[in-house]
Amino acid sequence: MAEIINLRRARKEKARAERAAKGEANRVAFGRTKLERLATEKAKTRVKTRLDGHFLTKATDHESD
C-alpha cells in the first residue's frame, strides 16, 4: 500500500528546499568580503591597463572605427 502524504506539507518542504538552494548559490556568488571585491577590481584594472599599454595607438582611436 502507498504511503499517504500531506500535499500541502510536501509543497512547503519543496519550496523551502528551493529557497535554501537559491540562498546557497547567492552566498557563493555575492557573499564576498569588501577586501575580496576590491582585490578583484584591482586585478581587473591591472589587466586592462596592461592590455591598453600594448596597443600601438590609443584605445579610443580603435573605438571610433
Protein backbone atom coordinates (compact mmCIF):
# COMPACT_ATOMS: atom_id res chain seq x y z
CA MET A 1 0.00 0.00 0.00
CA ALA A 2 1.22 3.53 -0.81
CA GLU A 3 2.32 5.94 1.86
CA ILE A 4 -0.14 8.77 2.49
CA ILE A 5 1.44 12.22 2.39
CA ASN A 6 0.11 15.67 3.07
CA LEU A 7 0.39 17.55 -0.25
CA ARG A 8 0.38 20.96 1.39
CA ARG A 9 3.30 19.96 3.61
CA ALA A 10 5.15 18.43 0.65
CA ARG A 11 4.78 21.64 -1.39
CA LYS A 12 6.05 23.72 1.51
CA GLU A 13 9.04 21.43 2.03
CA LYS A 14 9.85 21.58 -1.69
CA ALA A 15 9.62 25.40 -1.65
CA ARG A 16 11.92 25.55 1.41
CA ALA A 17 14.47 23.33 -0.30
CA GLU A 18 14.40 25.50 -3.44
CA ARG A 19 14.83 28.69 -1.40
CA ALA A 20 17.71 27.10 0.52
CA ALA A 21 19.43 26.10 -2.73
CA LYS A 22 18.97 29.59 -4.17
CA GLY A 23 20.29 31.12 -0.95
CA GLU A 24 23.38 28.93 -1.06
CA ALA A 25 24.04 29.93 -4.67
CA ASN A 26 23.66 33.61 -3.74
CA ARG A 27 26.04 33.23 -0.79
CA VAL A 28 28.64 31.78 -3.13
CA ALA A 29 28.09 34.46 -5.79
CA PHE A 30 27.65 37.56 -3.62
CA GLY A 31 29.00 36.63 -0.20
CA ARG A 32 32.42 38.14 -0.62
CA THR A 33 34.16 40.49 1.74
CA LYS A 34 34.96 44.05 0.80
CA LEU A 35 38.67 43.20 0.56
CA GLU A 36 37.94 40.36 -1.86
CA ARG A 37 35.81 42.64 -4.04
CA LEU A 38 38.50 45.35 -4.01
CA ALA A 39 41.22 42.82 -4.85
CA THR A 40 39.20 41.55 -7.82
CA GLU A 41 38.55 45.10 -9.03
CA LYS A 42 42.24 45.96 -8.68
CA ALA A 43 43.24 42.86 -10.66
CA LYS A 44 40.76 43.74 -13.43
CA THR A 45 42.13 47.29 -13.59
CA ARG A 46 45.72 46.00 -13.72
CA VAL A 47 44.89 43.62 -16.59
CA LYS A 48 43.06 46.34 -18.53
CA THR A 49 45.92 48.81 -18.05
CA ARG A 50 48.47 46.25 -19.20
CA LEU A 51 46.40 45.36 -22.26
CA ASP A 52 45.90 49.02 -23.17
CA GLY A 53 49.66 49.51 -22.87
CA HIS A 54 50.24 47.02 -25.67
CA PHE A 55 48.20 48.97 -28.23
CA LEU A 56 50.18 50.91 -30.81
CA THR A 57 47.62 53.73 -30.68
CA LYS A 58 45.18 54.87 -28.01
CA ALA A 59 42.23 52.54 -27.33
CA THR A 60 39.85 55.44 -28.02
CA ASP A 61 41.15 55.56 -31.61
CA HIS A 62 40.06 51.95 -32.12
CA GLU A 63 36.57 52.62 -30.76
CA SER A 64 35.84 55.23 -33.43
CA ASP A 65 36.48 52.80 -36.35
